[in-house]
Amino acid sequence: MTDFKSMYYHLAGRTATAVDVLEATTSIMEANARAMIASAESMVVSAESTMASVESLVSLKEKLKLAQRETEDMFINGDEDDADGSTEETI
C-alpha cells in the first residue's frame, strides 16, 4: 500500500522550501524595485517590470501556500478517517 504520509511529508517539505525561496526572492526583488524607482526617472520602466515580476511571484507564493494548506487539511482529515478502527498496515 502506498505510504501517503511519507509522500505528504516529502511534498510538504518541498513546498515549504519553494515558499521560502519565493519569499526571499520576492523581498529582494521588492527592495531592488523600490531602489530603482527612487534612484532615477529613467529607470521607471525597468522598475515597473520588476514589480510586475514581484506581483507574479507573490501570486505564485500565495497559490503555493493555499495548495499546501489544502494538502495538509486533506491529510489531516484523512488521518481522522483512518482513526475509525481500521487496522490496515502500510509498508
N, C-alpha and C. Protein backbone atom coordinates (compact mmCIF):
# COMPACT_ATOMS: atom_id res chain seq x y z
N MET A 1 0.85 -1.18 0.00
CA MET A 1 0.00 0.00 0.00
C MET A 1 0.89 1.24 0.00
N THR A 2 0.48 2.23 -0.71
CA THR A 2 1.26 3.45 -0.83
C THR A 2 1.35 4.16 0.52
N ASP A 3 2.51 4.63 0.83
CA ASP A 3 2.72 5.35 2.09
C ASP A 3 2.45 6.83 1.85
N PHE A 4 1.18 7.21 1.97
CA PHE A 4 0.76 8.57 1.68
C PHE A 4 1.35 9.58 2.66
N LYS A 5 1.53 9.17 3.89
CA LYS A 5 2.07 10.09 4.90
C LYS A 5 3.50 10.49 4.51
N SER A 6 4.31 9.54 4.09
CA SER A 6 5.67 9.85 3.65
C SER A 6 5.65 10.75 2.43
N MET A 7 4.74 10.45 1.52
CA MET A 7 4.61 11.29 0.33
C MET A 7 4.21 12.70 0.73
N TYR A 8 3.29 12.82 1.66
CA TYR A 8 2.84 14.13 2.13
C TYR A 8 4.01 14.90 2.74
N TYR A 9 4.76 14.27 3.64
CA TYR A 9 5.87 14.97 4.28
C TYR A 9 6.92 15.39 3.26
N HIS A 10 7.17 14.54 2.27
CA HIS A 10 8.11 14.89 1.22
C HIS A 10 7.61 16.11 0.46
N LEU A 11 6.35 16.07 0.03
CA LEU A 11 5.78 17.19 -0.72
C LEU A 11 5.68 18.44 0.13
N ALA A 12 5.32 18.29 1.39
CA ALA A 12 5.22 19.45 2.28
C ALA A 12 6.60 20.10 2.44
N GLY A 13 7.62 19.30 2.57
CA GLY A 13 8.97 19.84 2.68
C GLY A 13 9.40 20.58 1.43
N ARG A 14 9.09 19.99 0.28
CA ARG A 14 9.43 20.63 -0.99
C ARG A 14 8.66 21.92 -1.16
N THR A 15 7.37 21.90 -0.79
CA THR A 15 6.54 23.10 -0.90
C THR A 15 7.03 24.18 0.04
N ALA A 16 7.37 23.81 1.26
CA ALA A 16 7.88 24.79 2.22
C ALA A 16 9.16 25.43 1.71
N THR A 17 10.03 24.62 1.12
CA THR A 17 11.27 25.15 0.56
C THR A 17 10.98 26.12 -0.57
N ALA A 18 10.04 25.76 -1.43
CA ALA A 18 9.67 26.64 -2.55
C ALA A 18 9.09 27.95 -2.04
N VAL A 19 8.25 27.89 -1.03
CA VAL A 19 7.67 29.10 -0.45
C VAL A 19 8.76 29.97 0.16
N ASP A 20 9.72 29.37 0.88
CA ASP A 20 10.82 30.13 1.46
C ASP A 20 11.64 30.84 0.38
N VAL A 21 11.93 30.13 -0.70
CA VAL A 21 12.69 30.71 -1.80
C VAL A 21 11.90 31.86 -2.43
N LEU A 22 10.61 31.65 -2.64
CA LEU A 22 9.79 32.71 -3.22
C LEU A 22 9.71 33.92 -2.30
N GLU A 23 9.60 33.70 -1.00
CA GLU A 23 9.56 34.83 -0.07
C GLU A 23 10.87 35.61 -0.11
N ALA A 24 11.99 34.92 -0.10
CA ALA A 24 13.28 35.59 -0.15
C ALA A 24 13.46 36.34 -1.48
N THR A 25 13.11 35.68 -2.57
CA THR A 25 13.23 36.30 -3.88
C THR A 25 12.32 37.51 -3.99
N THR A 26 11.11 37.38 -3.48
CA THR A 26 10.15 38.48 -3.52
C THR A 26 10.68 39.67 -2.74
N SER A 27 11.21 39.43 -1.56
CA SER A 27 11.75 40.51 -0.74
C SER A 27 12.90 41.22 -1.45
N ILE A 28 13.78 40.46 -2.03
CA ILE A 28 14.93 41.04 -2.74
C ILE A 28 14.44 41.85 -3.94
N MET A 29 13.52 41.29 -4.70
CA MET A 29 13.03 41.98 -5.89
C MET A 29 12.26 43.24 -5.52
N GLU A 30 11.49 43.20 -4.44
CA GLU A 30 10.78 44.40 -3.99
C GLU A 30 11.77 45.50 -3.60
N ALA A 31 12.80 45.14 -2.85
CA ALA A 31 13.81 46.12 -2.44
C ALA A 31 14.52 46.71 -3.66
N ASN A 32 14.87 45.85 -4.61
CA ASN A 32 15.52 46.32 -5.82
C ASN A 32 14.60 47.24 -6.63
N ALA A 33 13.34 46.87 -6.72
CA ALA A 33 12.39 47.68 -7.48
C ALA A 33 12.22 49.05 -6.84
N ARG A 34 12.11 49.09 -5.52
CA ARG A 34 11.97 50.38 -4.83
C ARG A 34 13.23 51.25 -5.01
N ALA A 35 14.39 50.64 -4.94
CA ALA A 35 15.64 51.38 -5.12
C ALA A 35 15.74 51.95 -6.53
N MET A 36 15.33 51.17 -7.52
CA MET A 36 15.39 51.66 -8.90
C MET A 36 14.44 52.83 -9.12
N ILE A 37 13.24 52.74 -8.54
CA ILE A 37 12.27 53.82 -8.70
C ILE A 37 12.79 55.10 -8.05
N ALA A 38 13.38 54.97 -6.86
CA ALA A 38 13.89 56.12 -6.13
C ALA A 38 15.13 56.72 -6.80
N SER A 39 15.93 55.94 -7.45
CA SER A 39 17.22 56.42 -7.96
C SER A 39 17.12 57.25 -9.23
N ALA A 40 16.18 56.96 -10.14
CA ALA A 40 16.13 57.74 -11.39
C ALA A 40 14.82 57.53 -12.12
N GLU A 41 14.35 58.62 -12.75
CA GLU A 41 13.11 58.56 -13.54
C GLU A 41 13.30 57.64 -14.74
N SER A 42 14.49 57.60 -15.28
CA SER A 42 14.74 56.80 -16.48
C SER A 42 14.60 55.30 -16.23
N MET A 43 14.60 54.93 -14.96
CA MET A 43 14.52 53.51 -14.64
C MET A 43 13.10 53.08 -14.30
N VAL A 44 12.12 53.94 -14.46
CA VAL A 44 10.75 53.63 -14.07
C VAL A 44 10.22 52.42 -14.85
N VAL A 45 10.49 52.35 -16.13
CA VAL A 45 10.00 51.23 -16.93
C VAL A 45 10.59 49.92 -16.42
N SER A 46 11.88 49.93 -16.11
CA SER A 46 12.53 48.72 -15.60
C SER A 46 11.97 48.34 -14.24
N ALA A 47 11.75 49.33 -13.38
CA ALA A 47 11.21 49.07 -12.05
C ALA A 47 9.80 48.52 -12.14
N GLU A 48 8.99 49.07 -13.03
CA GLU A 48 7.62 48.57 -13.19
C GLU A 48 7.63 47.13 -13.68
N SER A 49 8.57 46.82 -14.54
CA SER A 49 8.71 45.44 -15.00
C SER A 49 9.10 44.52 -13.84
N THR A 50 10.00 45.00 -12.99
CA THR A 50 10.40 44.22 -11.82
C THR A 50 9.22 44.04 -10.88
N MET A 51 8.43 45.10 -10.66
CA MET A 51 7.27 45.00 -9.78
C MET A 51 6.25 44.01 -10.36
N ALA A 52 6.11 43.98 -11.67
CA ALA A 52 5.21 43.01 -12.29
C ALA A 52 5.70 41.59 -11.99
N SER A 53 7.01 41.42 -12.04
CA SER A 53 7.58 40.12 -11.71
C SER A 53 7.33 39.78 -10.25
N VAL A 54 7.47 40.80 -9.38
CA VAL A 54 7.23 40.60 -7.95
C VAL A 54 5.78 40.19 -7.74
N GLU A 55 4.87 40.88 -8.40
CA GLU A 55 3.44 40.56 -8.25
C GLU A 55 3.16 39.13 -8.70
N SER A 56 3.81 38.72 -9.77
CA SER A 56 3.65 37.34 -10.23
C SER A 56 4.18 36.36 -9.19
N LEU A 57 5.33 36.69 -8.61
CA LEU A 57 5.91 35.82 -7.57
C LEU A 57 5.02 35.78 -6.34
N VAL A 58 4.47 36.92 -5.95
CA VAL A 58 3.58 36.96 -4.79
C VAL A 58 2.35 36.10 -5.05
N SER A 59 1.80 36.22 -6.26
CA SER A 59 0.64 35.41 -6.62
C SER A 59 0.98 33.92 -6.57
N LEU A 60 2.13 33.56 -7.12
CA LEU A 60 2.56 32.16 -7.11
C LEU A 60 2.77 31.68 -5.68
N LYS A 61 3.38 32.52 -4.85
CA LYS A 61 3.63 32.16 -3.46
C LYS A 61 2.31 31.91 -2.73
N GLU A 62 1.32 32.77 -2.95
CA GLU A 62 0.03 32.61 -2.29
C GLU A 62 -0.67 31.33 -2.76
N LYS A 63 -0.56 31.04 -4.05
CA LYS A 63 -1.16 29.81 -4.57
C LYS A 63 -0.49 28.58 -3.96
N LEU A 64 0.84 28.63 -3.81
CA LEU A 64 1.56 27.51 -3.19
C LEU A 64 1.16 27.34 -1.73
N LYS A 65 1.03 28.46 -1.01
CA LYS A 65 0.62 28.38 0.38
C LYS A 65 -0.78 27.78 0.50
N LEU A 66 -1.69 28.20 -0.38
CA LEU A 66 -3.05 27.68 -0.37
C LEU A 66 -3.04 26.18 -0.67
N ALA A 67 -2.27 25.79 -1.68
CA ALA A 67 -2.17 24.36 -2.02
C ALA A 67 -1.60 23.56 -0.86
N GLN A 68 -0.61 24.13 -0.17
CA GLN A 68 -0.03 23.44 0.98
C GLN A 68 -1.06 23.28 2.09
N ARG A 69 -1.83 24.35 2.38
CA ARG A 69 -2.86 24.26 3.42
C ARG A 69 -3.93 23.23 3.04
N GLU A 70 -4.35 23.25 1.78
CA GLU A 70 -5.37 22.29 1.35
C GLU A 70 -4.85 20.86 1.43
N THR A 71 -3.58 20.67 1.08
CA THR A 71 -2.98 19.34 1.17
C THR A 71 -2.90 18.89 2.62
N GLU A 72 -2.47 19.81 3.49
CA GLU A 72 -2.40 19.47 4.92
C GLU A 72 -3.79 19.10 5.44
N ASP A 73 -4.79 19.90 5.07
CA ASP A 73 -6.16 19.61 5.52
C ASP A 73 -6.61 18.24 5.01
N MET A 74 -6.27 17.94 3.78
CA MET A 74 -6.67 16.66 3.19
C MET A 74 -6.04 15.50 3.98
N PHE A 75 -4.76 15.63 4.32
CA PHE A 75 -4.10 14.55 5.05
C PHE A 75 -4.53 14.50 6.50
N ILE A 76 -4.78 15.66 7.09
CA ILE A 76 -5.27 15.67 8.47
C ILE A 76 -6.63 15.02 8.53
N ASN A 77 -7.52 15.37 7.59
CA ASN A 77 -8.85 14.76 7.55
C ASN A 77 -8.75 13.28 7.21
N GLY A 78 -7.77 12.91 6.39
CA GLY A 78 -7.56 11.51 6.06
C GLY A 78 -7.13 10.71 7.26
N ASP A 79 -6.28 11.32 8.12
CA ASP A 79 -5.84 10.65 9.35
C ASP A 79 -7.02 10.43 10.29
N GLU A 80 -7.96 11.39 10.34
CA GLU A 80 -9.14 11.24 11.18
C GLU A 80 -10.02 10.10 10.66
N ASP A 81 -10.09 9.99 9.33
CA ASP A 81 -10.88 8.91 8.73
C ASP A 81 -10.27 7.55 9.06
N ASP A 82 -8.92 7.50 9.11
CA ASP A 82 -8.24 6.24 9.43
C ASP A 82 -8.43 5.86 10.89
N ALA A 83 -8.81 6.79 11.72
CA ALA A 83 -8.95 6.54 13.14
C ALA A 83 -10.26 5.83 13.47
N ASP A 84 -11.01 5.42 12.45
CA ASP A 84 -12.31 4.80 12.69
C ASP A 84 -12.20 3.32 13.06
N GLY A 85 -11.02 2.86 13.32
CA GLY A 85 -10.85 1.48 13.76
C GLY A 85 -10.21 0.58 12.69
N SER A 86 -9.92 1.14 11.55
CA SER A 86 -9.29 0.38 10.50
C SER A 86 -7.87 0.02 10.94
N THR A 87 -7.48 -1.22 10.72
CA THR A 87 -6.15 -1.66 11.14
C THR A 87 -5.29 -2.02 9.94
N GLU A 88 -5.52 -1.37 8.80
CA GLU A 88 -4.71 -1.64 7.64
C GLU A 88 -3.28 -1.19 7.90
N GLU A 89 -2.33 -2.00 7.46
CA GLU A 89 -0.93 -1.71 7.70
C GLU A 89 -0.32 -1.15 6.44
N THR A 90 0.51 -0.11 6.57
CA THR A 90 1.20 0.45 5.41
C THR A 90 2.64 0.00 5.42
N ILE A 91 3.19 -0.08 4.25
CA ILE A 91 4.59 -0.53 4.11
C ILE A 91 5.43 0.65 3.73
